[in-house]
Amino acid sequence: MTAHRYVLGQVVRMNNKFGLSPETAETYRITAILPAREDKLPQYRIRNDEERYERVTTEDSLEAIMDQ
């Protein structure tokens, strides 16, 4: 089992916005810790309060902006 770097509720930023709209939110909160993909990359569900939906992303696409 692959260890996850971030914890539930932690505030993070997407470090790669390739393919996303320039208006994409800056900060997100981890709302769920998901199982790792087949390539062993841990996954997370993230949400910004200004968006009406959640996103699923891999750990390598995130960076912490607030120490927990």
C-alpha atoms as a PDB file:
ATOM      1  CA  MET A   1       0.000   0.000   0.000  1.00  0.00           C
ATOM      2  CA  THR A   2       1.325   3.428  -0.973  1.00  0.00           C
ATOM      3  CA  ALA A   3       1.409   6.069   1.767  1.00  0.00           C
ATOM      4  CA  HIS A   4      -0.421   9.320   1.086  1.00  0.00           C
ATOM      5  CA  ARG A   5       1.496  12.563   1.688  1.00  0.00           C
ATOM      6  CA  TYR A   6      -1.537  14.787   2.351  1.00  0.00           C
ATOM      7  CA  VAL A   7      -4.250  14.444   4.994  1.00  0.00           C
ATOM      8  CA  LEU A   8      -7.989  14.948   4.959  1.00  0.00           C
ATOM      9  CA  GLY A   9      -8.833  18.654   5.240  1.00  0.00           C
ATOM     10  CA  GLN A  10      -5.378  19.870   4.197  1.00  0.00           C
ATOM     11  CA  VAL A  11      -5.211  22.886   1.863  1.00  0.00           C
ATOM     12  CA  VAL A  12      -3.269  22.309  -1.359  1.00  0.00           C
ATOM     13  CA  ARG A  13      -2.568  23.908  -4.724  1.00  0.00           C
ATOM     14  CA  MET A  14      -2.478  22.219  -8.122  1.00  0.00           C
ATOM     15  CA  ASN A  15       1.103  22.568  -9.365  1.00  0.00           C
ATOM     16  CA  ASN A  16       0.289  21.786 -12.992  1.00  0.00           C
ATOM     17  CA  LYS A  17      -2.622  23.577 -14.602  1.00  0.00           C
ATOM     18  CA  PHE A  18      -1.910  22.302 -18.114  1.00  0.00           C
ATOM     19  CA  GLY A  19      -5.212  21.911 -19.930  1.00  0.00           C
ATOM     20  CA  LEU A  20      -7.199  23.786 -17.276  1.00  0.00           C
ATOM     21  CA  SER A  21      -8.950  27.117 -17.671  1.00  0.00           C
ATOM     22  CA  PRO A  22      -7.036  30.213 -16.470  1.00  0.00           C
ATOM     23  CA  GLU A  23      -9.992  30.840 -14.153  1.00  0.00           C
ATOM     24  CA  THR A  24      -9.383  27.532 -12.367  1.00  0.00           C
ATOM     25  CA  ALA A  25      -9.313  27.995  -8.605  1.00  0.00           C
ATOM     26  CA  GLU A  26      -5.983  28.401  -6.834  1.00  0.00           C
ATOM     27  CA  THR A  27      -6.516  26.492  -3.611  1.00  0.00           C
ATOM     28  CA  TYR A  28      -8.323  23.283  -2.780  1.00  0.00           C
ATOM     29  CA  ARG A  29      -9.120  21.285   0.331  1.00  0.00           C
ATOM     30  CA  ILE A  30      -8.585  17.510   0.435  1.00  0.00           C
ATOM     31  CA  THR A  31     -12.095  16.029   0.835  1.00  0.00           C
ATOM     32  CA  ALA A  32     -11.234  12.340   0.418  1.00  0.00           C
ATOM     33  CA  ILE A  33      -8.190  10.106   0.317  1.00  0.00           C
ATOM     34  CA  LEU A  34      -8.605   7.605  -2.511  1.00  0.00           C
ATOM     35  CA  PRO A  35      -6.783   4.358  -3.313  1.00  0.00           C
ATOM     36  CA  ALA A  36      -3.621   4.604  -5.397  1.00  0.00           C
ATOM     37  CA  ARG A  37      -3.873   4.066  -9.144  1.00  0.00           C
ATOM     38  CA  GLU A  38      -2.382   0.998 -10.805  1.00  0.00           C
ATOM     39  CA  ASP A  39       0.853   2.975 -11.307  1.00  0.00           C
ATOM     40  CA  LYS A  40       1.029   3.421  -7.489  1.00  0.00           C
ATOM     41  CA  LEU A  41       0.275   7.167  -7.528  1.00  0.00           C
ATOM     42  CA  PRO A  42      -1.911   8.107  -4.535  1.00  0.00           C
ATOM     43  CA  GLN A  43      -5.150   9.892  -5.460  1.00  0.00           C
ATOM     44  CA  TYR A  44      -7.255  12.533  -3.737  1.00  0.00           C
ATOM     45  CA  ARG A  45     -10.633  14.167  -4.137  1.00  0.00           C
ATOM     46  CA  ILE A  46     -10.256  17.948  -3.846  1.00  0.00           C
ATOM     47  CA  ARG A  47     -12.682  20.851  -3.736  1.00  0.00           C
ATOM     48  CA  ASN A  48     -12.673  24.620  -3.927  1.00  0.00           C
ATOM     49  CA  ASP A  49     -15.676  26.323  -2.318  1.00  0.00           C
ATOM     50  CA  GLU A  50     -16.166  28.510  -5.403  1.00  0.00           C
ATOM     51  CA  GLU A  51     -16.642  25.505  -7.704  1.00  0.00           C
ATOM     52  CA  ARG A  52     -19.813  23.397  -7.798  1.00  0.00           C
ATOM     53  CA  TYR A  53     -17.961  20.109  -8.176  1.00  0.00           C
ATOM     54  CA  GLU A  54     -15.041  18.130  -6.813  1.00  0.00           C
ATOM     55  CA  ARG A  55     -11.969  17.017  -8.734  1.00  0.00           C
ATOM     56  CA  VAL A  56      -9.950  13.821  -8.524  1.00  0.00           C
ATOM     57  CA  THR A  57      -6.205  14.209  -8.939  1.00  0.00           C
ATOM     58  CA  THR A  58      -2.968  12.412  -8.196  1.00  0.00           C
ATOM     59  CA  GLU A  59      -0.464  13.339  -5.512  1.00  0.00           C
ATOM     60  CA  ASP A  60       2.171  14.430  -8.037  1.00  0.00           C
ATOM     61  CA  SER A  61      -0.200  17.200  -9.211  1.00  0.00           C
ATOM     62  CA  LEU A  62      -0.493  18.791  -5.760  1.00  0.00           C
ATOM     63  CA  GLU A  63       1.654  20.867  -3.431  1.00  0.00           C
ATOM     64  CA  ALA A  64       0.938  21.821   0.165  1.00  0.00           C
ATOM     65  CA  ILE A  65       0.348  25.486   0.955  1.00  0.00           C
ATOM     66  CA  MET A  66      -0.486  25.158   4.641  1.00  0.00           C
ATOM     67  CA  ASP A  67       1.291  22.992   7.187  1.00  0.00           C
ATOM     68  CA  GLN A  68      -0.960  20.672   9.178  1.00  0.00           C
END
